[in-house]
Amino acid sequence: FPSHDMDVPAIIVLPDTDSVEYGGQTRRVRCTFKVRVYLEPIADLSRRFKMLHAYRTWLRNLYNGAVQLGGVVDMASVVNTDMSNDELGGDSYLTVEATVECVKQEAVAITA
């Protein structure tokens, strides 16, 4: 993670979970990860609110449609967002975090 005196805005991508589901002749792989944006704390409540919501909207719309992530992803979407205050390296930041879910469905052939 970045150390003290991080330049903001800064974006950090954190791995989260994955799962594999089998059904019929298909395999569905779901991977989630978190995208966290660190922002400079702002005392003015009105400016803080506008900035947080602007970044939240940007994160929500970031993954609309197909996305290339080392292969074809059938669907990538933001399934959750959160806004909060966070501390990193002893400094306080405003944060906007999105949970992104990527789903890939593949045809599989079962052999015995």
PDB file of N, CA and C in Angstrom:
ATOM      1  N   PHE A   1       0.821  -1.189   0.000  1.00  0.00           N
ATOM      2  CA  PHE A   1       0.000   0.000   0.000  1.00  0.00           C
ATOM      3  C   PHE A   1       0.862   1.248   0.000  1.00  0.00           C
ATOM      4  N   PRO A   2       0.309   2.336  -0.489  1.00  0.00           N
ATOM      5  CA  PRO A   2       1.089   3.576  -0.484  1.00  0.00           C
ATOM      6  C   PRO A   2       1.466   3.977   0.937  1.00  0.00           C
ATOM      7  N   SER A   3       2.563   4.689   1.027  1.00  0.00           N
ATOM      8  CA  SER A   3       3.016   5.134   2.337  1.00  0.00           C
ATOM      9  C   SER A   3       2.487   6.532   2.625  1.00  0.00           C
ATOM     10  N   HIS A   4       3.006   7.117   3.670  1.00  0.00           N
ATOM     11  CA  HIS A   4       2.628   8.455   4.119  1.00  0.00           C
ATOM     12  C   HIS A   4       2.723   9.460   2.960  1.00  0.00           C
ATOM     13  N   ASP A   5       1.879  10.479   2.971  1.00  0.00           N
ATOM     14  CA  ASP A   5       1.857  11.537   1.951  1.00  0.00           C
ATOM     15  C   ASP A   5       1.533  11.003   0.561  1.00  0.00           C
ATOM     16  N   MET A   6       0.491  10.208   0.447  1.00  0.00           N
ATOM     17  CA  MET A   6       0.040   9.665  -0.820  1.00  0.00           C
ATOM     18  C   MET A   6      -0.605  10.781  -1.649  1.00  0.00           C
ATOM     19  N   ASP A   7      -0.299  10.803  -2.954  1.00  0.00           N
ATOM     20  CA  ASP A   7      -0.961  11.740  -3.850  1.00  0.00           C
ATOM     21  C   ASP A   7      -2.388  11.270  -4.085  1.00  0.00           C
ATOM     22  N   VAL A   8      -3.339  12.188  -3.980  1.00  0.00           N
ATOM     23  CA  VAL A   8      -4.738  11.841  -4.193  1.00  0.00           C
ATOM     24  C   VAL A   8      -5.307  12.707  -5.301  1.00  0.00           C
ATOM     25  N   PRO A   9      -6.293  12.257  -6.058  1.00  0.00           N
ATOM     26  CA  PRO A   9      -6.963  10.977  -5.852  1.00  0.00           C
ATOM     27  C   PRO A   9      -6.064   9.803  -6.240  1.00  0.00           C
ATOM     28  N   ALA A  10      -6.214   8.714  -5.505  1.00  0.00           N
ATOM     29  CA  ALA A  10      -5.468   7.484  -5.757  1.00  0.00           C
ATOM     30  C   ALA A  10      -6.461   6.331  -5.814  1.00  0.00           C
ATOM     31  N   ILE A  11      -6.226   5.396  -6.722  1.00  0.00           N
ATOM     32  CA  ILE A  11      -7.115   4.240  -6.884  1.00  0.00           C
ATOM     33  C   ILE A  11      -6.337   2.981  -6.553  1.00  0.00           C
ATOM     34  N   ILE A  12      -6.921   2.147  -5.696  1.00  0.00           N
ATOM     35  CA  ILE A  12      -6.321   0.876  -5.319  1.00  0.00           C
ATOM     36  C   ILE A  12      -7.331  -0.227  -5.629  1.00  0.00           C
ATOM     37  N   VAL A  13      -6.872  -1.286  -6.286  1.00  0.00           N
ATOM     38  CA  VAL A  13      -7.720  -2.434  -6.611  1.00  0.00           C
ATOM     39  C   VAL A  13      -7.337  -3.572  -5.686  1.00  0.00           C
ATOM     40  N   LEU A  14      -8.338  -4.128  -4.987  1.00  0.00           N
ATOM     41  CA  LEU A  14      -8.110  -5.188  -4.000  1.00  0.00           C
ATOM     42  C   LEU A  14      -8.846  -6.454  -4.410  1.00  0.00           C
ATOM     43  N   PRO A  15      -8.168  -7.606  -4.409  1.00  0.00           N
ATOM     44  CA  PRO A  15      -8.864  -8.859  -4.717  1.00  0.00           C
ATOM     45  C   PRO A  15      -9.877  -9.188  -3.629  1.00  0.00           C
ATOM     46  N   ASP A  16     -10.945  -9.873  -4.011  1.00  0.00           N
ATOM     47  CA  ASP A  16     -11.977 -10.212  -3.036  1.00  0.00           C
ATOM     48  C   ASP A  16     -12.267 -11.707  -3.089  1.00  0.00           C
ATOM     49  N   THR A  17     -13.285 -12.131  -3.811  1.00  0.00           N
ATOM     50  CA  THR A  17     -13.675 -13.548  -3.813  1.00  0.00           C
ATOM     51  C   THR A  17     -13.873 -14.052  -5.237  1.00  0.00           C
ATOM     52  N   ASP A  18     -13.928 -15.382  -5.357  1.00  0.00           N
ATOM     53  CA  ASP A  18     -14.325 -15.983  -6.627  1.00  0.00           C
ATOM     54  C   ASP A  18     -15.094 -17.260  -6.348  1.00  0.00           C
ATOM     55  N   SER A  19     -15.864 -17.692  -7.335  1.00  0.00           N
ATOM     56  CA  SER A  19     -16.619 -18.938  -7.203  1.00  0.00           C
ATOM     57  C   SER A  19     -16.813 -19.539  -8.586  1.00  0.00           C
ATOM     58  N   VAL A  20     -17.028 -20.850  -8.600  1.00  0.00           N
ATOM     59  CA  VAL A  20     -17.275 -21.570  -9.848  1.00  0.00           C
ATOM     60  C   VAL A  20     -18.545 -22.372  -9.677  1.00  0.00           C
ATOM     61  N   GLU A  21     -19.457 -22.272 -10.641  1.00  0.00           N
ATOM     62  CA  GLU A  21     -20.713 -23.029 -10.618  1.00  0.00           C
ATOM     63  C   GLU A  21     -20.800 -23.875 -11.889  1.00  0.00           C
ATOM     64  N   TYR A  22     -21.235 -25.121 -11.733  1.00  0.00           N
ATOM     65  CA  TYR A  22     -21.432 -26.004 -12.875  1.00  0.00           C
ATOM     66  C   TYR A  22     -22.908 -26.318 -13.000  1.00  0.00           C
ATOM     67  N   GLY A  23     -23.394 -26.330 -14.216  1.00  0.00           N
ATOM     68  CA  GLY A  23     -24.786 -26.687 -14.452  1.00  0.00           C
ATOM     69  C   GLY A  23     -24.970 -27.092 -15.901  1.00  0.00           C
ATOM     70  N   GLY A  24     -25.485 -28.289 -16.116  1.00  0.00           N
ATOM     71  CA  GLY A  24     -25.669 -28.757 -17.484  1.00  0.00           C
ATOM     72  C   GLY A  24     -24.334 -28.829 -18.203  1.00  0.00           C
ATOM     73  N   GLN A  25     -24.241 -28.136 -19.288  1.00  0.00           N
ATOM     74  CA  GLN A  25     -23.018 -28.119 -20.097  1.00  0.00           C
ATOM     75  C   GLN A  25     -22.263 -26.795 -19.965  1.00  0.00           C
ATOM     76  N   THR A  26     -22.442 -26.109 -18.861  1.00  0.00           N
ATOM     77  CA  THR A  26     -21.781 -24.807 -18.692  1.00  0.00           C
ATOM     78  C   THR A  26     -21.041 -24.713 -17.363  1.00  0.00           C
ATOM     79  N   ARG A  27     -20.077 -23.840 -17.365  1.00  0.00           N
ATOM     80  CA  ARG A  27     -19.346 -23.488 -16.157  1.00  0.00           C
ATOM     81  C   ARG A  27     -19.399 -21.959 -16.065  1.00  0.00           C
ATOM     82  N   ARG A  28     -19.825 -21.450 -14.913  1.00  0.00           N
ATOM     83  CA  ARG A  28     -19.890 -20.006 -14.688  1.00  0.00           C
ATOM     84  C   ARG A  28     -18.884 -19.642 -13.602  1.00  0.00           C
ATOM     85  N   VAL A  29     -17.996 -18.733 -13.928  1.00  0.00           N
ATOM     86  CA  VAL A  29     -16.978 -18.269 -12.988  1.00  0.00           C
ATOM     87  C   VAL A  29     -17.316 -16.831 -12.605  1.00  0.00           C
ATOM     88  N   ARG A  30     -17.417 -16.598 -11.301  1.00  0.00           N
ATOM     89  CA  ARG A  30     -17.675 -15.252 -10.774  1.00  0.00           C
ATOM     90  C   ARG A  30     -16.460 -14.819  -9.971  1.00  0.00           C
ATOM     91  N   CYS A  31     -15.960 -13.631 -10.281  1.00  0.00           N
ATOM     92  CA  CYS A  31     -14.853 -13.037  -9.527  1.00  0.00           C
ATOM     93  C   CYS A  31     -15.277 -11.653  -9.083  1.00  0.00           C
ATOM     94  N   THR A  32     -14.997 -11.329  -7.854  1.00  0.00           N
ATOM     95  CA  THR A  32     -15.277  -9.975  -7.389  1.00  0.00           C
ATOM     96  C   THR A  32     -13.976  -9.342  -6.909  1.00  0.00           C
ATOM     97  N   PHE A  33     -13.923  -8.041  -7.051  1.00  0.00           N
ATOM     98  CA  PHE A  33     -12.809  -7.275  -6.520  1.00  0.00           C
ATOM     99  C   PHE A  33     -13.314  -5.903  -6.109  1.00  0.00           C
ATOM    100  N   LYS A  34     -12.551  -5.245  -5.273  1.00  0.00           N
ATOM    101  CA  LYS A  34     -12.927  -3.927  -4.772  1.00  0.00           C
ATOM    102  C   LYS A  34     -12.037  -2.884  -5.432  1.00  0.00           C
ATOM    103  N   VAL A  35     -12.650  -1.775  -5.827  1.00  0.00           N
ATOM    104  CA  VAL A  35     -11.931  -0.625  -6.350  1.00  0.00           C
ATOM    105  C   VAL A  35     -12.163   0.502  -5.353  1.00  0.00           C
ATOM    106  N   ARG A  36     -11.083   0.960  -4.709  1.00  0.00           N
ATOM    107  CA  ARG A  36     -11.199   1.999  -3.687  1.00  0.00           C
ATOM    108  C   ARG A  36     -10.482   3.256  -4.168  1.00  0.00           C
ATOM    109  N   VAL A  37     -11.196   4.384  -4.123  1.00  0.00           N
ATOM    110  CA  VAL A  37     -10.639   5.676  -4.497  1.00  0.00           C
ATOM    111  C   VAL A  37     -10.396   6.465  -3.213  1.00  0.00           C
ATOM    112  N   TYR A  38      -9.153   6.891  -3.011  1.00  0.00           N
ATOM    113  CA  TYR A  38      -8.798   7.726  -1.862  1.00  0.00           C
ATOM    114  C   TYR A  38      -8.814   9.182  -2.302  1.00  0.00           C
ATOM    115  N   LEU A  39      -9.490  10.020  -1.529  1.00  0.00           N
ATOM    116  CA  LEU A  39      -9.645  11.436  -1.845  1.00  0.00           C
ATOM    117  C   LEU A  39      -9.209  12.288  -0.662  1.00  0.00           C
ATOM    118  N   GLU A  40      -8.814  13.502  -0.959  1.00  0.00           N
ATOM    119  CA  GLU A  40      -8.411  14.449   0.084  1.00  0.00           C
ATOM    120  C   GLU A  40      -9.622  14.780   0.947  1.00  0.00           C
ATOM    121  N   PRO A  41      -9.474  14.772   2.281  1.00  0.00           N
ATOM    122  CA  PRO A  41     -10.606  15.152   3.129  1.00  0.00           C
ATOM    123  C   PRO A  41     -10.946  16.632   2.924  1.00  0.00           C
ATOM    124  N   ILE A  42     -12.230  16.923   2.863  1.00  0.00           N
ATOM    125  CA  ILE A  42     -12.717  18.290   2.658  1.00  0.00           C
ATOM    126  C   ILE A  42     -13.644  18.634   3.812  1.00  0.00           C
ATOM    127  N   ALA A  43     -13.387  19.763   4.463  1.00  0.00           N
ATOM    128  CA  ALA A  43     -14.207  20.174   5.606  1.00  0.00           C
ATOM    129  C   ALA A  43     -15.580  20.682   5.169  1.00  0.00           C
ATOM    130  N   ASP A  44     -15.654  21.340   4.006  1.00  0.00           N
ATOM    131  CA  ASP A  44     -16.913  21.890   3.509  1.00  0.00           C
ATOM    132  C   ASP A  44     -17.849  20.741   3.135  1.00  0.00           C
ATOM    133  N   LEU A  45     -18.909  20.569   3.912  1.00  0.00           N
ATOM    134  CA  LEU A  45     -19.824  19.438   3.725  1.00  0.00           C
ATOM    135  C   LEU A  45     -20.454  19.403   2.339  1.00  0.00           C
ATOM    136  N   SER A  46     -20.840  20.548   1.810  1.00  0.00           N
ATOM    137  CA  SER A  46     -21.473  20.605   0.496  1.00  0.00           C
ATOM    138  C   SER A  46     -20.513  20.148  -0.599  1.00  0.00           C
ATOM    139  N   ARG A  47     -19.277  20.643  -0.579  1.00  0.00           N
ATOM    140  CA  ARG A  47     -18.274  20.230  -1.570  1.00  0.00           C
ATOM    141  C   ARG A  47     -17.921  18.756  -1.413  1.00  0.00           C
ATOM    142  N   ARG A  48     -17.818  18.294  -0.165  1.00  0.00           N
ATOM    143  CA  ARG A  48     -17.494  16.887   0.096  1.00  0.00           C
ATOM    144  C   ARG A  48     -18.580  15.988  -0.477  1.00  0.00           C
ATOM    145  N   PHE A  49     -19.849  16.322  -0.222  1.00  0.00           N
ATOM    146  CA  PHE A  49     -20.975  15.533  -0.703  1.00  0.00           C
ATOM    147  C   PHE A  49     -20.973  15.440  -2.227  1.00  0.00           C
ATOM    148  N   LYS A  50     -20.765  16.585  -2.901  1.00  0.00           N
ATOM    149  CA  LYS A  50     -20.750  16.598  -4.373  1.00  0.00           C
ATOM    150  C   LYS A  50     -19.603  15.762  -4.921  1.00  0.00           C
ATOM    151  N   MET A  51     -18.419  15.881  -4.317  1.00  0.00           N
ATOM    152  CA  MET A  51     -17.263  15.138  -4.797  1.00  0.00           C
ATOM    153  C   MET A  51     -17.450  13.630  -4.600  1.00  0.00           C
ATOM    154  N   LEU A  52     -17.911  13.233  -3.416  1.00  0.00           N
ATOM    155  CA  LEU A  52     -18.121  11.808  -3.153  1.00  0.00           C
ATOM    156  C   LEU A  52     -19.132  11.206  -4.122  1.00  0.00           C
ATOM    157  N   HIS A  53     -20.212  11.916  -4.362  1.00  0.00           N
ATOM    158  CA  HIS A  53     -21.239  11.383  -5.269  1.00  0.00           C
ATOM    159  C   HIS A  53     -20.772  11.384  -6.727  1.00  0.00           C
ATOM    160  N   ALA A  54     -19.937  12.338  -7.108  1.00  0.00           N
ATOM    161  CA  ALA A  54     -19.391  12.329  -8.470  1.00  0.00           C
ATOM    162  C   ALA A  54     -18.501  11.107  -8.684  1.00  0.00           C
ATOM    163  N   TYR A  55     -17.629  10.811  -7.714  1.00  0.00           N
ATOM    164  CA  TYR A  55     -16.779   9.626  -7.831  1.00  0.00           C
ATOM    165  C   TYR A  55     -17.596   8.342  -7.743  1.00  0.00           C
ATOM    166  N   ARG A  56     -18.628   8.331  -6.927  1.00  0.00           N
ATOM    167  CA  ARG A  56     -19.487   7.148  -6.809  1.00  0.00           C
ATOM    168  C   ARG A  56     -20.181   6.867  -8.139  1.00  0.00           C
ATOM    169  N   THR A  57     -20.699   7.892  -8.781  1.00  0.00           N
ATOM    170  CA  THR A  57     -21.345   7.736 -10.092  1.00  0.00           C
ATOM    171  C   THR A  57     -20.340   7.250 -11.126  1.00  0.00           C
ATOM    172  N   TRP A  58     -19.125   7.809 -11.113  1.00  0.00           N
ATOM    173  CA  TRP A  58     -18.088   7.393 -12.044  1.00  0.00           C
ATOM    174  C   TRP A  58     -17.771   5.909 -11.862  1.00  0.00           C
ATOM    175  N   LEU A  59     -17.622   5.455 -10.612  1.00  0.00           N
ATOM    176  CA  LEU A  59     -17.329   4.041 -10.360  1.00  0.00           C
ATOM    177  C   LEU A  59     -18.478   3.137 -10.798  1.00  0.00           C
ATOM    178  N   ARG A  60     -19.716   3.557 -10.541  1.00  0.00           N
ATOM    179  CA  ARG A  60     -20.871   2.743 -10.947  1.00  0.00           C
ATOM    180  C   ARG A  60     -20.919   2.548 -12.451  1.00  0.00           C
ATOM    181  N   ASN A  61     -20.576   3.576 -13.205  1.00  0.00           N
ATOM    182  CA  ASN A  61     -20.681   3.520 -14.666  1.00  0.00           C
ATOM    183  C   ASN A  61     -19.433   2.977 -15.338  1.00  0.00           C
ATOM    184  N   LEU A  62     -18.374   2.773 -14.582  1.00  0.00           N
ATOM    185  CA  LEU A  62     -17.093   2.381 -15.130  1.00  0.00           C
ATOM    186  C   LEU A  62     -17.122   1.029 -15.840  1.00  0.00           C
ATOM    187  N   TYR A  63     -17.887   0.101 -15.352  1.00  0.00           N
ATOM    188  CA  TYR A  63     -17.855  -1.267 -15.873  1.00  0.00           C
ATOM    189  C   TYR A  63     -19.090  -1.649 -16.663  1.00  0.00           C
ATOM    190  N   ASN A  64     -19.792  -0.689 -17.224  1.00  0.00           N
ATOM    191  CA  ASN A  64     -20.937  -1.015 -18.074  1.00  0.00           C
ATOM    192  C   ASN A  64     -20.454  -1.689 -19.350  1.00  0.00           C
ATOM    193  N   GLY A  65     -21.074  -2.796 -19.713  1.00  0.00           N
ATOM    194  CA  GLY A  65     -20.717  -3.488 -20.947  1.00  0.00           C
ATOM    195  C   GLY A  65     -19.599  -4.483 -20.746  1.00  0.00           C
ATOM    196  N   ALA A  66     -19.076  -4.981 -21.858  1.00  0.00           N
ATOM    197  CA  ALA A  66     -18.002  -5.980 -21.829  1.00  0.00           C
ATOM    198  C   ALA A  66     -16.687  -5.320 -21.450  1.00  0.00           C
ATOM    199  N   VAL A  67     -15.844  -6.085 -20.757  1.00  0.00           N
ATOM    200  CA  VAL A  67     -14.572  -5.576 -20.268  1.00  0.00           C
ATOM    201  C   VAL A  67     -13.499  -6.616 -20.562  1.00  0.00           C
ATOM    202  N   GLN A  68     -12.322  -6.179 -20.962  1.00  0.00           N
ATOM    203  CA  GLN A  68     -11.198  -7.088 -21.150  1.00  0.00           C
ATOM    204  C   GLN A  68     -10.358  -7.098 -19.882  1.00  0.00           C
ATOM    205  N   LEU A  69     -10.261  -8.225 -19.234  1.00  0.00           N
ATOM    206  CA  LEU A  69      -9.427  -8.388 -18.041  1.00  0.00           C
ATOM    207  C   LEU A  69      -8.615  -9.663 -18.199  1.00  0.00           C
ATOM    208  N   GLY A  70      -7.704  -9.689 -19.139  1.00  0.00           N
ATOM    209  CA  GLY A  70      -6.897 -10.879 -19.379  1.00  0.00           C
ATOM    210  C   GLY A  70      -7.698 -11.962 -20.068  1.00  0.00           C
ATOM    211  N   GLY A  71      -8.765 -11.632 -20.701  1.00  0.00           N
ATOM    212  CA  GLY A  71      -9.641 -12.567 -21.394  1.00  0.00           C
ATOM    213  C   GLY A  71     -11.002 -11.919 -21.525  1.00  0.00           C
ATOM    214  N   VAL A  72     -11.888 -12.585 -22.201  1.00  0.00           N
ATOM    215  CA  VAL A  72     -13.218 -12.013 -22.399  1.00  0.00           C
ATOM    216  C   VAL A  72     -14.070 -12.248 -21.160  1.00  0.00           C
ATOM    217  N   VAL A  73     -14.682 -11.197 -20.680  1.00  0.00           N
ATOM    218  CA  VAL A  73     -15.607 -11.283 -19.557  1.00  0.00           C
ATOM    219  C   VAL A  73     -17.000 -11.047 -20.112  1.00  0.00           C
ATOM    220  N   ASP A  74     -17.913 -11.989 -19.880  1.00  0.00           N
ATOM    221  CA  ASP A  74     -19.267 -11.853 -20.411  1.00  0.00           C
ATOM    222  C   ASP A  74     -19.994 -10.672 -19.798  1.00  0.00           C
ATOM    223  N   MET A  75     -19.782 -10.423 -18.522  1.00  0.00           N
ATOM    224  CA  MET A  75     -20.462  -9.319 -17.863  1.00  0.00           C
ATOM    225  C   MET A  75     -19.605  -8.833 -16.697  1.00  0.00           C
ATOM    226  N   ALA A  76     -19.457  -7.525 -16.606  1.00  0.00           N
ATOM    227  CA  ALA A  76     -18.792  -6.921 -15.458  1.00  0.00           C
ATOM    228  C   ALA A  76     -19.683  -5.786 -14.984  1.00  0.00           C
ATOM    229  N   SER A  77     -19.978  -5.769 -13.697  1.00  0.00           N
ATOM    230  CA  SER A  77     -20.860  -4.723 -13.192  1.00  0.00           C
ATOM    231  C   SER A  77     -20.525  -4.398 -11.743  1.00  0.00           C
ATOM    232  N   VAL A  78     -20.846  -3.171 -11.372  1.00  0.00           N
ATOM    233  CA  VAL A  78     -20.691  -2.748  -9.988  1.00  0.00           C
ATOM    234  C   VAL A  78     -21.922  -3.213  -9.224  1.00  0.00           C
ATOM    235  N   VAL A  79     -21.715  -4.010  -8.183  1.00  0.00           N
ATOM    236  CA  VAL A  79     -22.848  -4.563  -7.432  1.00  0.00           C
ATOM    237  C   VAL A  79     -23.053  -3.875  -6.093  1.00  0.00           C
ATOM    238  N   ASN A  80     -22.088  -3.019  -5.700  1.00  0.00           N
ATOM    239  CA  ASN A  80     -22.207  -2.339  -4.416  1.00  0.00           C
ATOM    240  C   ASN A  80     -21.253  -1.156  -4.397  1.00  0.00           C
ATOM    241  N   THR A  81     -21.658  -0.069  -3.740  1.00  0.00           N
ATOM    242  CA  THR A  81     -20.745   1.058  -3.521  1.00  0.00           C
ATOM    243  C   THR A  81     -20.843   1.490  -2.064  1.00  0.00           C
ATOM    244  N   ASP A  82     -19.776   2.125  -1.596  1.00  0.00           N
ATOM    245  CA  ASP A  82     -19.738   2.599  -0.220  1.00  0.00           C
ATOM    246  C   ASP A  82     -18.896   3.868  -0.171  1.00  0.00           C
ATOM    247  N   MET A  83     -19.296   4.812   0.654  1.00  0.00           N
ATOM    248  CA  MET A  83     -18.535   6.035   0.868  1.00  0.00           C
ATOM    249  C   MET A  83     -18.220   6.131   2.351  1.00  0.00           C
ATOM    250  N   SER A  84     -16.968   6.475   2.680  1.00  0.00           N
ATOM    251  CA  SER A  84     -16.614   6.561   4.096  1.00  0.00           C
ATOM    252  C   SER A  84     -15.356   7.386   4.286  1.00  0.00           C
ATOM    253  N   ASN A  85     -14.933   7.477   5.537  1.00  0.00           N
ATOM    254  CA  ASN A  85     -13.643   8.041   5.891  1.00  0.00           C
ATOM    255  C   ASN A  85     -12.735   6.866   6.209  1.00  0.00           C
ATOM    256  N   ASP A  86     -11.484   6.955   5.822  1.00  0.00           N
ATOM    257  CA  ASP A  86     -10.556   5.862   6.054  1.00  0.00           C
ATOM    258  C   ASP A  86      -9.205   6.445   6.438  1.00  0.00           C
ATOM    259  N   GLU A  87      -8.398   5.623   7.065  1.00  0.00           N
ATOM    260  CA  GLU A  87      -7.056   6.046   7.441  1.00  0.00           C
ATOM    261  C   GLU A  87      -6.064   5.115   6.780  1.00  0.00           C
ATOM    262  N   LEU A  88      -5.029   5.698   6.200  1.00  0.00           N
ATOM    263  CA  LEU A  88      -3.990   4.912   5.548  1.00  0.00           C
ATOM    264  C   LEU A  88      -2.653   5.600   5.812  1.00  0.00           C
ATOM    265  N   GLY A  89      -1.705   4.862   6.350  1.00  0.00           N
ATOM    266  CA  GLY A  89      -0.396   5.428   6.643  1.00  0.00           C
ATOM    267  C   GLY A  89      -0.444   6.567   7.648  1.00  0.00           C
ATOM    268  N   GLY A  90      -1.435   6.546   8.538  1.00  0.00           N
ATOM    269  CA  GLY A  90      -1.557   7.582   9.549  1.00  0.00           C
ATOM    270  C   GLY A  90      -2.273   8.836   9.093  1.00  0.00           C
ATOM    271  N   ASP A  91      -2.702   8.887   7.825  1.00  0.00           N
ATOM    272  CA  ASP A  91      -3.430  10.042   7.300  1.00  0.00           C
ATOM    273  C   ASP A  91      -4.884   9.683   7.051  1.00  0.00           C
ATOM    274  N   SER A  92      -5.765  10.666   7.183  1.00  0.00           N
ATOM    275  CA  SER A  92      -7.196  10.457   6.938  1.00  0.00           C
ATOM    276  C   SER A  92      -7.545  10.819   5.500  1.00  0.00           C
ATOM    277  N   TYR A  93      -8.426  10.005   4.915  1.00  0.00           N
ATOM    278  CA  TYR A  93      -8.886  10.224   3.550  1.00  0.00           C
ATOM    279  C   TYR A  93     -10.378   9.965   3.479  1.00  0.00           C
ATOM    280  N   LEU A  94     -11.028  10.603   2.516  1.00  0.00           N
ATOM    281  CA  LEU A  94     -12.377  10.207   2.134  1.00  0.00           C
ATOM    282  C   LEU A  94     -12.212   9.063   1.149  1.00  0.00           C
ATOM    283  N   THR A  95     -13.073   8.070   1.216  1.00  0.00           N
ATOM    284  CA  THR A  95     -12.970   6.959   0.273  1.00  0.00           C
ATOM    285  C   THR A  95     -14.317   6.670  -0.373  1.00  0.00           C
ATOM    286  N   VAL A  96     -14.241   6.261  -1.618  1.00  0.00           N
ATOM    287  CA  VAL A  96     -15.386   5.739  -2.347  1.00  0.00           C
ATOM    288  C   VAL A  96     -14.952   4.367  -2.833  1.00  0.00           C
ATOM    289  N   GLU A  97     -15.746   3.350  -2.521  1.00  0.00           N
ATOM    290  CA  GLU A  97     -15.369   1.981  -2.851  1.00  0.00           C
ATOM    291  C   GLU A  97     -16.490   1.323  -3.633  1.00  0.00           C
ATOM    292  N   ALA A  98     -16.113   0.581  -4.656  1.00  0.00           N
ATOM    293  CA  ALA A  98     -17.080  -0.182  -5.443  1.00  0.00           C
ATOM    294  C   ALA A  98     -16.680  -1.647  -5.427  1.00  0.00           C
ATOM    295  N   THR A  99     -17.668  -2.516  -5.300  1.00  0.00           N
ATOM    296  CA  THR A  99     -17.447  -3.947  -5.462  1.00  0.00           C
ATOM    297  C   THR A  99     -17.838  -4.288  -6.888  1.00  0.00           C
ATOM    298  N   VAL A 100     -16.893  -4.827  -7.649  1.00  0.00           N
ATOM    299  CA  VAL A 100     -17.113  -5.161  -9.051  1.00  0.00           C
ATOM    300  C   VAL A 100     -17.201  -6.675  -9.182  1.00  0.00           C
ATOM    301  N   GLU A 101     -18.229  -7.130  -9.878  1.00  0.00           N
ATOM    302  CA  GLU A 101     -18.387  -8.569 -10.118  1.00  0.00           C
ATOM    303  C   GLU A 101     -18.213  -8.835 -11.606  1.00  0.00           C
ATOM    304  N   CYS A 102     -17.340  -9.783 -11.926  1.00  0.00           N
ATOM    305  CA  CYS A 102     -17.126 -10.223 -13.305  1.00  0.00           C
ATOM    306  C   CYS A 102     -17.640 -11.654 -13.426  1.00  0.00           C
ATOM    307  N   VAL A 103     -18.410 -11.900 -14.473  1.00  0.00           N
ATOM    308  CA  VAL A 103     -18.972 -13.224 -14.694  1.00  0.00           C
ATOM    309  C   VAL A 103     -18.568 -13.699 -16.083  1.00  0.00           C
ATOM    310  N   LYS A 104     -18.037 -14.893 -16.152  1.00  0.00           N
ATOM    311  CA  LYS A 104     -17.691 -15.526 -17.426  1.00  0.00           C
ATOM    312  C   LYS A 104     -18.383 -16.870 -17.481  1.00  0.00           C
ATOM    313  N   GLN A 105     -19.101 -17.112 -18.551  1.00  0.00           N
ATOM    314  CA  GLN A 105     -19.783 -18.403 -18.723  1.00  0.00           C
ATOM    315  C   GLN A 105     -19.177 -19.117 -19.908  1.00  0.00           C
ATOM    316  N   GLU A 106     -18.832 -20.384 -19.685  1.00  0.00           N
ATOM    317  CA  GLU A 106     -18.170 -21.187 -20.717  1.00  0.00           C
ATOM    318  C   GLU A 106     -18.937 -22.478 -20.934  1.00  0.00           C
ATOM    319  N   ALA A 107     -18.892 -22.982 -22.158  1.00  0.00           N
ATOM    320  CA  ALA A 107     -19.435 -24.296 -22.448  1.00  0.00           C
ATOM    321  C   ALA A 107     -18.378 -25.327 -22.067  1.00  0.00           C
ATOM    322  N   VAL A 108     -18.800 -26.405 -21.423  1.00  0.00           N
ATOM    323  CA  VAL A 108     -17.858 -27.452 -21.028  1.00  0.00           C
ATOM    324  C   VAL A 108     -18.365 -28.795 -21.539  1.00  0.00           C
ATOM    325  N   ALA A 109     -17.430 -29.657 -21.837  1.00  0.00           N
ATOM    326  CA  ALA A 109     -17.769 -31.023 -22.253  1.00  0.00           C
ATOM    327  C   ALA A 109     -17.346 -31.964 -21.139  1.00  0.00           C
ATOM    328  N   ILE A 110     -18.275 -32.750 -20.641  1.00  0.00           N
ATOM    329  CA  ILE A 110     -17.982 -33.674 -19.544  1.00  0.00           C
ATOM    330  C   ILE A 110     -17.612 -35.022 -20.163  1.00  0.00           C
ATOM    331  N   THR A 111     -16.431 -35.506 -19.799  1.00  0.00           N
ATOM    332  CA  THR A 111     -16.014 -36.803 -20.282  1.00  0.00           C
ATOM    333  C   THR A 111     -15.706 -37.714 -19.100  1.00  0.00           C
ATOM    334  N   ALA A 112     -15.916 -38.990 -19.304  1.00  0.00           N
ATOM    335  CA  ALA A 112     -15.677 -39.945 -18.223  1.00  0.00           C
ATOM    336  C   ALA A 112     -14.545 -40.868 -18.576  1.00  0.00           C
TER     337      ALA A 112
END
